[in-house]
Amino acid sequence: MARLKRGITIRQARTEMAEIARRLAVAHPETDHTDVGVVLGPLRDEWVGEWPVRAWLLLGAASFVLAIACANVANLLLARALSRRKEFAVRAALGATRWRTTRQLLIESLLLSVAAALVGLGLSLWGVDAFLAVIPEQIPFWIQFSVDGRVLAFMLAVALATSVVFGLAPAGARRRRT
């Protein structure tokens, strides 16, 4: 391994190394030079290879599945809110304010999101082990698949965001009907 001097491109280094190899072949004709050579390229490409692309594809696939799951949950919550029209009408007739029913919807949505996040956490802990068991290639040592603080923070942020968005959606739909 070597580091290029500032201002020298890989193309220039390859040209110079080819010239050095030619001079060595002339200086030592008794040596077989067919299996000897120099490969110049970025060290990152040699160590990492295709793994960043694969990791981004995996992240994209997981994000797509998460978006589909969130859309399905939103659809179920909206359908449930439509079926609860009579309940909200009775609550309003008994004196419940809009804030009180909105708060109820937010709390229900938060409990549902926290429960789903805990199930998702359990599945992700199991899924990482299952994923690592079926990967056919040796993973480079610097690429690690694990559930760490960043993953937990992302999971918490998604759970809170979905609980607020999907808790307010039925309240907004209820508000437009009245």
N, C-alpha and C. Protein backbone atom coordinates (compact mmCIF):
# COMPACT_ATOMS: atom_id res chain seq x y z
N MET A 1 0.84 -1.18 0.00
CA MET A 1 0.00 0.00 0.00
C MET A 1 0.88 1.23 0.00
N ALA A 2 0.42 2.22 -0.67
CA ALA A 2 1.17 3.47 -0.73
C ALA A 2 0.19 4.62 -0.89
N ARG A 3 0.67 5.79 -0.60
CA ARG A 3 -0.15 6.99 -0.73
C ARG A 3 0.42 7.84 -1.85
N LEU A 4 -0.46 8.35 -2.69
CA LEU A 4 0.00 9.18 -3.80
C LEU A 4 0.45 10.55 -3.29
N LYS A 5 1.46 11.07 -3.95
CA LYS A 5 1.93 12.42 -3.65
C LYS A 5 0.86 13.41 -4.11
N ARG A 6 0.76 14.52 -3.44
CA ARG A 6 -0.22 15.55 -3.82
C ARG A 6 0.00 15.96 -5.27
N GLY A 7 -1.08 16.07 -6.01
CA GLY A 7 -1.01 16.51 -7.39
C GLY A 7 -0.80 15.38 -8.39
N ILE A 8 -0.53 14.18 -7.93
CA ILE A 8 -0.31 13.04 -8.82
C ILE A 8 -1.62 12.25 -8.94
N THR A 9 -2.03 11.98 -10.16
CA THR A 9 -3.25 11.21 -10.38
C THR A 9 -2.92 9.73 -10.43
N ILE A 10 -3.95 8.92 -10.32
CA ILE A 10 -3.75 7.47 -10.41
C ILE A 10 -3.23 7.10 -11.80
N ARG A 11 -3.69 7.79 -12.81
CA ARG A 11 -3.24 7.52 -14.18
C ARG A 11 -1.73 7.77 -14.30
N GLN A 12 -1.26 8.88 -13.73
CA GLN A 12 0.18 9.17 -13.78
C GLN A 12 0.96 8.11 -13.00
N ALA A 13 0.44 7.70 -11.85
CA ALA A 13 1.13 6.69 -11.04
C ALA A 13 1.18 5.35 -11.77
N ARG A 14 0.09 4.99 -12.45
CA ARG A 14 0.08 3.74 -13.22
C ARG A 14 1.11 3.78 -14.34
N THR A 15 1.22 4.92 -15.01
CA THR A 15 2.20 5.06 -16.09
C THR A 15 3.62 4.91 -15.54
N GLU A 16 3.88 5.57 -14.41
CA GLU A 16 5.20 5.49 -13.82
C GLU A 16 5.52 4.07 -13.33
N MET A 17 4.54 3.39 -12.73
CA MET A 17 4.77 2.02 -12.26
C MET A 17 5.00 1.06 -13.44
N ALA A 18 4.32 1.29 -14.55
CA ALA A 18 4.54 0.45 -15.73
C ALA A 18 5.96 0.65 -16.25
N GLU A 19 6.44 1.89 -16.21
CA GLU A 19 7.81 2.17 -16.63
C GLU A 19 8.82 1.51 -15.70
N ILE A 20 8.57 1.56 -14.40
CA ILE A 20 9.47 0.91 -13.43
C ILE A 20 9.47 -0.60 -13.67
N ALA A 21 8.31 -1.19 -13.90
CA ALA A 21 8.24 -2.63 -14.16
C ALA A 21 8.99 -2.99 -15.44
N ARG A 22 8.89 -2.15 -16.47
CA ARG A 22 9.61 -2.40 -17.72
C ARG A 22 11.12 -2.37 -17.48
N ARG A 23 11.57 -1.35 -16.69
CA ARG A 23 13.01 -1.25 -16.41
C ARG A 23 13.51 -2.44 -15.59
N LEU A 24 12.69 -2.91 -14.64
CA LEU A 24 13.08 -4.08 -13.84
C LEU A 24 13.16 -5.33 -14.72
N ALA A 25 12.25 -5.45 -15.67
CA ALA A 25 12.29 -6.61 -16.58
C ALA A 25 13.54 -6.58 -17.45
N VAL A 26 13.97 -5.39 -17.87
CA VAL A 26 15.19 -5.27 -18.68
C VAL A 26 16.41 -5.55 -17.82
N ALA A 27 16.41 -5.04 -16.58
CA ALA A 27 17.57 -5.21 -15.69
C ALA A 27 17.72 -6.65 -15.21
N HIS A 28 16.64 -7.39 -15.12
CA HIS A 28 16.68 -8.76 -14.61
C HIS A 28 15.97 -9.70 -15.59
N PRO A 29 16.60 -9.98 -16.71
CA PRO A 29 15.94 -10.83 -17.73
C PRO A 29 15.81 -12.28 -17.28
N GLU A 30 16.59 -12.71 -16.29
CA GLU A 30 16.52 -14.10 -15.85
C GLU A 30 15.27 -14.40 -15.03
N THR A 31 14.57 -13.37 -14.58
CA THR A 31 13.37 -13.55 -13.75
C THR A 31 12.13 -13.57 -14.64
N ASP A 32 11.22 -14.49 -14.31
CA ASP A 32 9.95 -14.55 -15.05
C ASP A 32 9.03 -13.46 -14.49
N HIS A 33 8.67 -12.50 -15.31
CA HIS A 33 7.86 -11.35 -14.88
C HIS A 33 6.39 -11.47 -15.27
N THR A 34 5.97 -12.63 -15.72
CA THR A 34 4.59 -12.76 -16.20
C THR A 34 3.57 -12.71 -15.07
N ASP A 35 3.93 -13.20 -13.89
CA ASP A 35 2.99 -13.23 -12.78
C ASP A 35 3.20 -12.09 -11.79
N VAL A 36 4.06 -11.15 -12.12
CA VAL A 36 4.38 -10.06 -11.21
C VAL A 36 3.83 -8.77 -11.79
N GLY A 37 3.24 -7.97 -10.93
CA GLY A 37 2.72 -6.70 -11.40
C GLY A 37 2.27 -5.83 -10.23
N VAL A 38 1.85 -4.65 -10.58
CA VAL A 38 1.39 -3.69 -9.58
C VAL A 38 -0.03 -3.29 -9.94
N VAL A 39 -0.89 -3.27 -8.93
CA VAL A 39 -2.26 -2.85 -9.12
C VAL A 39 -2.45 -1.55 -8.36
N LEU A 40 -2.85 -0.52 -9.07
CA LEU A 40 -3.09 0.77 -8.44
C LEU A 40 -4.57 1.09 -8.46
N GLY A 41 -5.08 1.45 -7.33
CA GLY A 41 -6.49 1.82 -7.23
C GLY A 41 -6.77 2.34 -5.83
N PRO A 42 -7.89 2.96 -5.68
CA PRO A 42 -8.25 3.47 -4.35
C PRO A 42 -8.39 2.33 -3.35
N LEU A 43 -7.85 2.53 -2.16
CA LEU A 43 -7.89 1.52 -1.12
C LEU A 43 -9.33 1.25 -0.69
N ARG A 44 -10.14 2.30 -0.69
CA ARG A 44 -11.54 2.14 -0.30
C ARG A 44 -12.24 1.14 -1.22
N ASP A 45 -11.97 1.20 -2.53
CA ASP A 45 -12.59 0.26 -3.45
C ASP A 45 -12.14 -1.16 -3.18
N GLU A 46 -10.89 -1.31 -2.80
CA GLU A 46 -10.35 -2.64 -2.53
C GLU A 46 -10.96 -3.24 -1.26
N TRP A 47 -11.10 -2.42 -0.24
CA TRP A 47 -11.63 -2.91 1.03
C TRP A 47 -13.15 -3.00 1.05
N VAL A 48 -13.82 -1.99 0.53
CA VAL A 48 -15.27 -1.91 0.65
C VAL A 48 -15.97 -2.61 -0.50
N GLY A 49 -15.52 -2.39 -1.70
CA GLY A 49 -16.13 -3.03 -2.86
C GLY A 49 -17.56 -2.59 -3.08
N GLU A 50 -18.47 -3.55 -3.24
CA GLU A 50 -19.87 -3.29 -3.53
C GLU A 50 -20.72 -3.12 -2.28
N TRP A 51 -20.15 -3.22 -1.10
CA TRP A 51 -20.96 -3.21 0.12
C TRP A 51 -21.74 -1.93 0.35
N PRO A 52 -21.23 -0.73 0.07
CA PRO A 52 -22.07 0.46 0.29
C PRO A 52 -23.34 0.44 -0.56
N VAL A 53 -23.25 -0.04 -1.79
CA VAL A 53 -24.43 -0.11 -2.65
C VAL A 53 -25.43 -1.09 -2.05
N ARG A 54 -24.94 -2.22 -1.60
CA ARG A 54 -25.83 -3.22 -1.00
C ARG A 54 -26.48 -2.70 0.27
N ALA A 55 -25.71 -1.99 1.08
CA ALA A 55 -26.27 -1.45 2.32
C ALA A 55 -27.34 -0.40 2.02
N TRP A 56 -27.12 0.46 1.02
CA TRP A 56 -28.13 1.45 0.64
C TRP A 56 -29.37 0.78 0.07
N LEU A 57 -29.20 -0.27 -0.71
CA LEU A 57 -30.35 -1.00 -1.22
C LEU A 57 -31.15 -1.64 -0.10
N LEU A 58 -30.46 -2.19 0.88
CA LEU A 58 -31.13 -2.79 2.03
C LEU A 58 -31.89 -1.73 2.82
N LEU A 59 -31.26 -0.57 3.02
CA LEU A 59 -31.93 0.53 3.73
C LEU A 59 -33.15 1.00 2.95
N GLY A 60 -33.03 1.11 1.64
CA GLY A 60 -34.16 1.52 0.81
C GLY A 60 -35.31 0.52 0.88
N ALA A 61 -34.98 -0.76 0.83
CA ALA A 61 -36.02 -1.79 0.91
C ALA A 61 -36.72 -1.75 2.27
N ALA A 62 -35.94 -1.60 3.34
CA ALA A 62 -36.53 -1.53 4.67
C ALA A 62 -37.40 -0.28 4.82
N SER A 63 -36.96 0.83 4.27
CA SER A 63 -37.74 2.06 4.34
C SER A 63 -39.04 1.93 3.54
N PHE A 64 -38.97 1.25 2.40
CA PHE A 64 -40.16 1.03 1.59
C PHE A 64 -41.17 0.16 2.34
N VAL A 65 -40.70 -0.88 3.00
CA VAL A 65 -41.59 -1.74 3.79
C VAL A 65 -42.19 -0.94 4.94
N LEU A 66 -41.39 -0.08 5.58
CA LEU A 66 -41.90 0.77 6.67
C LEU A 66 -42.97 1.72 6.16
N ALA A 67 -42.77 2.30 4.99
CA ALA A 67 -43.77 3.22 4.43
C ALA A 67 -45.07 2.48 4.11
N ILE A 68 -44.97 1.28 3.58
CA ILE A 68 -46.18 0.49 3.30
C ILE A 68 -46.91 0.16 4.60
N ALA A 69 -46.16 -0.24 5.62
CA ALA A 69 -46.79 -0.56 6.90
C ALA A 69 -47.48 0.66 7.50
N CYS A 70 -46.83 1.83 7.43
CA CYS A 70 -47.44 3.05 7.96
C CYS A 70 -48.71 3.41 7.18
N ALA A 71 -48.69 3.25 5.88
CA ALA A 71 -49.89 3.54 5.08
C ALA A 71 -51.02 2.59 5.44
N ASN A 72 -50.71 1.33 5.67
CA ASN A 72 -51.73 0.37 6.06
C ASN A 72 -52.32 0.72 7.43
N VAL A 73 -51.47 1.09 8.36
CA VAL A 73 -51.95 1.46 9.70
C VAL A 73 -52.81 2.73 9.61
N ALA A 74 -52.40 3.68 8.80
CA ALA A 74 -53.20 4.90 8.63
C ALA A 74 -54.57 4.57 8.07
N ASN A 75 -54.62 3.69 7.10
CA ASN A 75 -55.89 3.28 6.52
C ASN A 75 -56.77 2.60 7.57
N LEU A 76 -56.19 1.73 8.37
CA LEU A 76 -56.96 1.05 9.42
C LEU A 76 -57.47 2.04 10.47
N LEU A 77 -56.64 3.00 10.86
CA LEU A 77 -57.06 3.98 11.86
C LEU A 77 -58.16 4.88 11.32
N LEU A 78 -58.06 5.28 10.07
CA LEU A 78 -59.12 6.10 9.49
C LEU A 78 -60.43 5.32 9.38
N ALA A 79 -60.35 4.06 8.99
CA ALA A 79 -61.55 3.23 8.91
C ALA A 79 -62.16 3.04 10.30
N ARG A 80 -61.31 2.86 11.28
CA ARG A 80 -61.80 2.71 12.66
C ARG A 80 -62.45 3.99 13.15
N ALA A 81 -61.86 5.14 12.80
CA ALA A 81 -62.45 6.41 13.22
C ALA A 81 -63.80 6.63 12.56
N LEU A 82 -63.96 6.20 11.32
CA LEU A 82 -65.26 6.32 10.65
C LEU A 82 -66.31 5.45 11.32
N SER A 83 -65.88 4.29 11.79
CA SER A 83 -66.84 3.41 12.46
C SER A 83 -67.19 3.89 13.86
N ARG A 84 -66.41 4.85 14.38
CA ARG A 84 -66.66 5.37 15.73
C ARG A 84 -67.40 6.70 15.70
N ARG A 85 -68.05 7.05 14.63
CA ARG A 85 -68.77 8.32 14.52
C ARG A 85 -69.81 8.48 15.63
N LYS A 86 -70.57 7.43 15.86
CA LYS A 86 -71.62 7.53 16.89
C LYS A 86 -71.02 7.77 18.26
N GLU A 87 -69.89 7.08 18.54
CA GLU A 87 -69.24 7.27 19.84
C GLU A 87 -68.82 8.73 20.03
N PHE A 88 -68.24 9.32 19.01
CA PHE A 88 -67.79 10.72 19.13
C PHE A 88 -68.99 11.67 19.21
N ALA A 89 -70.07 11.32 18.52
CA ALA A 89 -71.27 12.16 18.61
C ALA A 89 -71.86 12.12 20.01
N VAL A 90 -71.88 10.94 20.63
CA VAL A 90 -72.37 10.82 22.00
C VAL A 90 -71.46 11.58 22.96
N ARG A 91 -70.15 11.46 22.79
CA ARG A 91 -69.21 12.19 23.65
C ARG A 91 -69.41 13.70 23.52
N ALA A 92 -69.60 14.17 22.28
CA ALA A 92 -69.82 15.60 22.07
C ALA A 92 -71.14 16.04 22.71
N ALA A 93 -72.18 15.19 22.61
CA ALA A 93 -73.47 15.52 23.21
C ALA A 93 -73.39 15.57 24.73
N LEU A 94 -72.50 14.76 25.29
CA LEU A 94 -72.33 14.75 26.74
C LEU A 94 -71.41 15.87 27.23
N GLY A 95 -70.84 16.64 26.31
CA GLY A 95 -70.05 17.80 26.71
C GLY A 95 -68.54 17.66 26.52
N ALA A 96 -68.09 16.61 25.86
CA ALA A 96 -66.65 16.46 25.61
C ALA A 96 -66.22 17.51 24.59
N THR A 97 -65.12 18.16 24.88
CA THR A 97 -64.59 19.17 23.96
C THR A 97 -63.81 18.48 22.84
N ARG A 98 -63.56 19.26 21.79
CA ARG A 98 -62.76 18.70 20.68
C ARG A 98 -61.36 18.33 21.16
N TRP A 99 -60.79 19.12 22.04
CA TRP A 99 -59.46 18.82 22.55
C TRP A 99 -59.45 17.50 23.30
N ARG A 100 -60.52 17.23 24.07
CA ARG A 100 -60.57 15.99 24.84
C ARG A 100 -60.64 14.77 23.91
N THR A 101 -61.46 14.83 22.87
CA THR A 101 -61.53 13.68 21.95
C THR A 101 -60.25 13.58 21.11
N THR A 102 -59.68 14.72 20.75
CA THR A 102 -58.41 14.68 20.02
C THR A 102 -57.31 14.09 20.90
N ARG A 103 -57.30 14.46 22.15
CA ARG A 103 -56.31 13.91 23.08
C ARG A 103 -56.50 12.40 23.23
N GLN A 104 -57.74 11.95 23.30
CA GLN A 104 -58.02 10.52 23.38
C GLN A 104 -57.47 9.80 22.15
N LEU A 105 -57.72 10.36 20.97
CA LEU A 105 -57.21 9.74 19.75
C LEU A 105 -55.69 9.71 19.72
N LEU A 106 -55.06 10.80 20.20
CA LEU A 106 -53.59 10.83 20.23
C LEU A 106 -53.03 9.79 21.19
N ILE A 107 -53.66 9.64 22.35
CA ILE A 107 -53.17 8.66 23.33
C ILE A 107 -53.35 7.24 22.79
N GLU A 108 -54.51 6.97 22.18
CA GLU A 108 -54.71 5.65 21.58
C GLU A 108 -53.67 5.36 20.50
N SER A 109 -53.42 6.37 19.68
CA SER A 109 -52.44 6.20 18.61
C SER A 109 -51.03 6.02 19.17
N LEU A 110 -50.70 6.75 20.23
CA LEU A 110 -49.38 6.61 20.86
C LEU A 110 -49.20 5.21 21.45
N LEU A 111 -50.22 4.71 22.12
CA LEU A 111 -50.13 3.35 22.68
C LEU A 111 -49.96 2.31 21.57
N LEU A 112 -50.70 2.49 20.50
CA LEU A 112 -50.57 1.57 19.36
C LEU A 112 -49.17 1.65 18.75
N SER A 113 -48.64 2.87 18.61
CA SER A 113 -47.30 3.04 18.02
C SER A 113 -46.22 2.47 18.92
N VAL A 114 -46.34 2.67 20.23
CA VAL A 114 -45.33 2.12 21.15
C VAL A 114 -45.37 0.60 21.14
N ALA A 115 -46.57 0.03 21.13
CA ALA A 115 -46.68 -1.43 21.06
C ALA A 115 -46.06 -1.95 19.76
N ALA A 116 -46.36 -1.28 18.65
CA ALA A 116 -45.78 -1.70 17.37
C ALA A 116 -44.27 -1.53 17.36
N ALA A 117 -43.77 -0.46 17.98
CA ALA A 117 -42.32 -0.24 18.03
C ALA A 117 -41.64 -1.33 18.85
N LEU A 118 -42.26 -1.75 19.94
CA LEU A 118 -41.67 -2.82 20.75
C LEU A 118 -41.67 -4.15 20.00
N VAL A 119 -42.75 -4.42 19.28
CA VAL A 119 -42.77 -5.64 18.45
C VAL A 119 -41.71 -5.53 17.36
N GLY A 120 -41.60 -4.35 16.74
CA GLY A 120 -40.59 -4.14 15.71
C GLY A 120 -39.18 -4.27 16.25
N LEU A 121 -38.95 -3.81 17.48
CA LEU A 121 -37.63 -3.95 18.11
C LEU A 121 -37.28 -5.42 18.30
N GLY A 122 -38.24 -6.18 18.79
CA GLY A 122 -38.00 -7.62 18.96
C GLY A 122 -37.72 -8.31 17.64
N LEU A 123 -38.50 -7.97 16.63
CA LEU A 123 -38.29 -8.56 15.30
C LEU A 123 -36.96 -8.14 14.70
N SER A 124 -36.55 -6.89 14.95
CA SER A 124 -35.28 -6.44 14.38
C SER A 124 -34.10 -7.12 15.08
N LEU A 125 -34.19 -7.33 16.38
CA LEU A 125 -33.11 -8.04 17.08
C LEU A 125 -32.99 -9.47 16.54
N TRP A 126 -34.12 -10.12 16.33
CA TRP A 126 -34.10 -11.46 15.76
C TRP A 126 -33.68 -11.41 14.30
N GLY A 127 -34.16 -10.40 13.56
CA GLY A 127 -33.88 -10.30 12.14
C GLY A 127 -32.42 -10.07 11.81
N VAL A 128 -31.72 -9.30 12.66
CA VAL A 128 -30.29 -9.07 12.41
C VAL A 128 -29.53 -10.38 12.48
N ASP A 129 -29.83 -11.19 13.50
CA ASP A 129 -29.16 -12.49 13.62
C ASP A 129 -29.51 -13.40 12.44
N ALA A 130 -30.78 -13.40 12.05
CA ALA A 130 -31.20 -14.23 10.92
C ALA A 130 -30.55 -13.74 9.62
N PHE A 131 -30.48 -12.43 9.45
CA PHE A 131 -29.87 -11.85 8.25
C PHE A 131 -28.39 -12.23 8.16
N LEU A 132 -27.68 -12.11 9.26
CA LEU A 132 -26.25 -12.43 9.26
C LEU A 132 -26.02 -13.92 9.02
N ALA A 133 -26.98 -14.75 9.43
CA ALA A 133 -26.81 -16.19 9.25
C ALA A 133 -26.97 -16.62 7.79
N VAL A 134 -27.72 -15.86 7.00
CA VAL A 134 -27.98 -16.29 5.63
C VAL A 134 -27.17 -15.54 4.58
N ILE A 135 -26.35 -14.58 4.98
CA ILE A 135 -25.53 -13.86 4.00
C ILE A 135 -24.47 -14.82 3.48
N PRO A 136 -24.40 -14.99 2.16
CA PRO A 136 -23.48 -15.96 1.61
C PRO A 136 -22.03 -15.50 1.60
N GLU A 137 -21.78 -14.20 1.66
CA GLU A 137 -20.42 -13.69 1.56
C GLU A 137 -19.89 -13.29 2.94
N GLN A 138 -18.59 -13.22 3.01
CA GLN A 138 -17.94 -12.73 4.22
C GLN A 138 -18.10 -11.22 4.27
N ILE A 139 -18.62 -10.71 5.37
CA ILE A 139 -18.83 -9.27 5.51
C ILE A 139 -17.52 -8.65 5.98
N PRO A 140 -17.12 -7.53 5.37
CA PRO A 140 -15.92 -6.84 5.87
C PRO A 140 -16.10 -6.44 7.33
N PHE A 141 -15.00 -6.41 8.08
CA PHE A 141 -15.07 -6.20 9.52
C PHE A 141 -15.62 -4.82 9.89
N TRP A 142 -15.55 -3.84 9.04
CA TRP A 142 -16.00 -2.50 9.39
C TRP A 142 -17.49 -2.28 9.12
N ILE A 143 -18.12 -3.22 8.44
CA ILE A 143 -19.56 -3.12 8.21
C ILE A 143 -20.24 -4.01 9.25
N GLN A 144 -21.01 -3.37 10.12
CA GLN A 144 -21.68 -4.12 11.19
C GLN A 144 -23.17 -3.87 11.13
N PHE A 145 -23.92 -4.93 11.22
CA PHE A 145 -25.36 -4.84 11.30
C PHE A 145 -25.75 -5.09 12.75
N SER A 146 -26.25 -4.06 13.40
CA SER A 146 -26.64 -4.22 14.79
C SER A 146 -27.72 -3.21 15.13
N VAL A 147 -28.40 -3.47 16.21
CA VAL A 147 -29.40 -2.53 16.73
C VAL A 147 -28.69 -1.73 17.82
N ASP A 148 -28.41 -0.45 17.51
CA ASP A 148 -27.70 0.39 18.46
C ASP A 148 -28.55 1.61 18.80
N GLY A 149 -27.94 2.59 19.43
CA GLY A 149 -28.66 3.79 19.86
C GLY A 149 -29.27 4.57 18.71
N ARG A 150 -28.58 4.62 17.58
CA ARG A 150 -29.12 5.34 16.42
C ARG A 150 -30.38 4.67 15.89
N VAL A 151 -30.36 3.36 15.86
CA VAL A 151 -31.53 2.62 15.39
C VAL A 151 -32.69 2.83 16.36
N LEU A 152 -32.41 2.77 17.65
CA LEU A 152 -33.46 2.98 18.64
C LEU A 152 -34.02 4.41 18.57
N ALA A 153 -33.14 5.40 18.36
CA ALA A 153 -33.60 6.78 18.24
C ALA A 153 -34.47 6.95 17.00
N PHE A 154 -34.08 6.34 15.90
CA PHE A 154 -34.88 6.40 14.68
C PHE A 154 -36.23 5.73 14.89
N MET A 155 -36.22 4.58 15.55
CA MET A 155 -37.46 3.87 15.82
C MET A 155 -38.38 4.71 16.70
N LEU A 156 -37.83 5.36 17.71
CA LEU A 156 -38.62 6.21 18.59
C LEU A 156 -39.19 7.41 17.82
N ALA A 157 -38.38 8.01 16.97
CA ALA A 157 -38.84 9.16 16.19
C ALA A 157 -39.97 8.76 15.24
N VAL A 158 -39.83 7.61 14.58
CA VAL A 158 -40.87 7.14 13.67
C VAL A 158 -42.15 6.82 14.45
N ALA A 159 -41.99 6.18 15.62
CA ALA A 159 -43.17 5.85 16.42
C ALA A 159 -43.90 7.10 16.87
N LEU A 160 -43.17 8.11 17.33
CA LEU A 160 -43.81 9.36 17.77
C LEU A 160 -44.44 10.10 16.59
N ALA A 161 -43.74 10.16 15.47
CA ALA A 161 -44.28 10.87 14.31
C ALA A 161 -45.55 10.18 13.79
N THR A 162 -45.52 8.86 13.71
CA THR A 162 -46.71 8.17 13.22
C THR A 162 -47.86 8.29 14.20
N SER A 163 -47.55 8.28 15.49
CA SER A 163 -48.65 8.41 16.46
C SER A 163 -49.30 9.78 16.37
N VAL A 164 -48.51 10.82 16.16
CA VAL A 164 -49.08 12.16 16.05
C VAL A 164 -49.85 12.30 14.73
N VAL A 165 -49.24 11.90 13.63
CA VAL A 165 -49.89 12.05 12.32
C VAL A 165 -51.16 11.21 12.25
N PHE A 166 -51.06 9.95 12.65
CA PHE A 166 -52.22 9.08 12.52
C PHE A 166 -53.20 9.25 13.66
N GLY A 167 -52.80 9.90 14.73
CA GLY A 167 -53.75 10.25 15.78
C GLY A 167 -54.53 11.49 15.43
N LEU A 168 -53.90 12.42 14.71
CA LEU A 168 -54.58 13.65 14.30
C LEU A 168 -55.42 13.47 13.05
N ALA A 169 -55.10 12.50 12.22
CA ALA A 169 -55.86 12.29 10.99
C ALA A 169 -57.33 12.00 11.27
N PRO A 170 -57.67 11.07 12.19
CA PRO A 170 -59.09 10.86 12.48
C PRO A 170 -59.74 12.09 13.11
N ALA A 171 -58.99 12.82 13.91
CA ALA A 171 -59.54 14.04 14.51
C ALA A 171 -59.83 15.08 13.43
N GLY A 172 -58.95 15.19 12.45
CA GLY A 172 -59.18 16.11 11.35
C GLY A 172 -60.37 15.69 10.49
N ALA A 173 -60.48 14.38 10.25
CA ALA A 173 -61.61 13.87 9.48
C ALA A 173 -62.92 14.11 10.23
N ARG A 174 -62.88 13.97 11.56
CA ARG A 174 -64.07 14.20 12.38
C ARG A 174 -64.43 15.68 12.36
N ARG A 175 -63.45 16.55 12.38
CA ARG A 175 -63.66 17.99 12.41
C ARG A 175 -64.29 18.47 11.10
N ARG A 176 -63.89 17.88 9.97
CA ARG A 176 -64.43 18.29 8.68
C ARG A 176 -65.90 17.88 8.52
N ARG A 177 -66.30 16.81 9.19
CA ARG A 177 -67.69 16.35 9.07
C ARG A 177 -68.64 17.22 9.89
N THR A 178 -68.14 17.85 10.95
CA THR A 178 -69.04 18.64 11.81
C THR A 178 -69.11 20.07 11.38
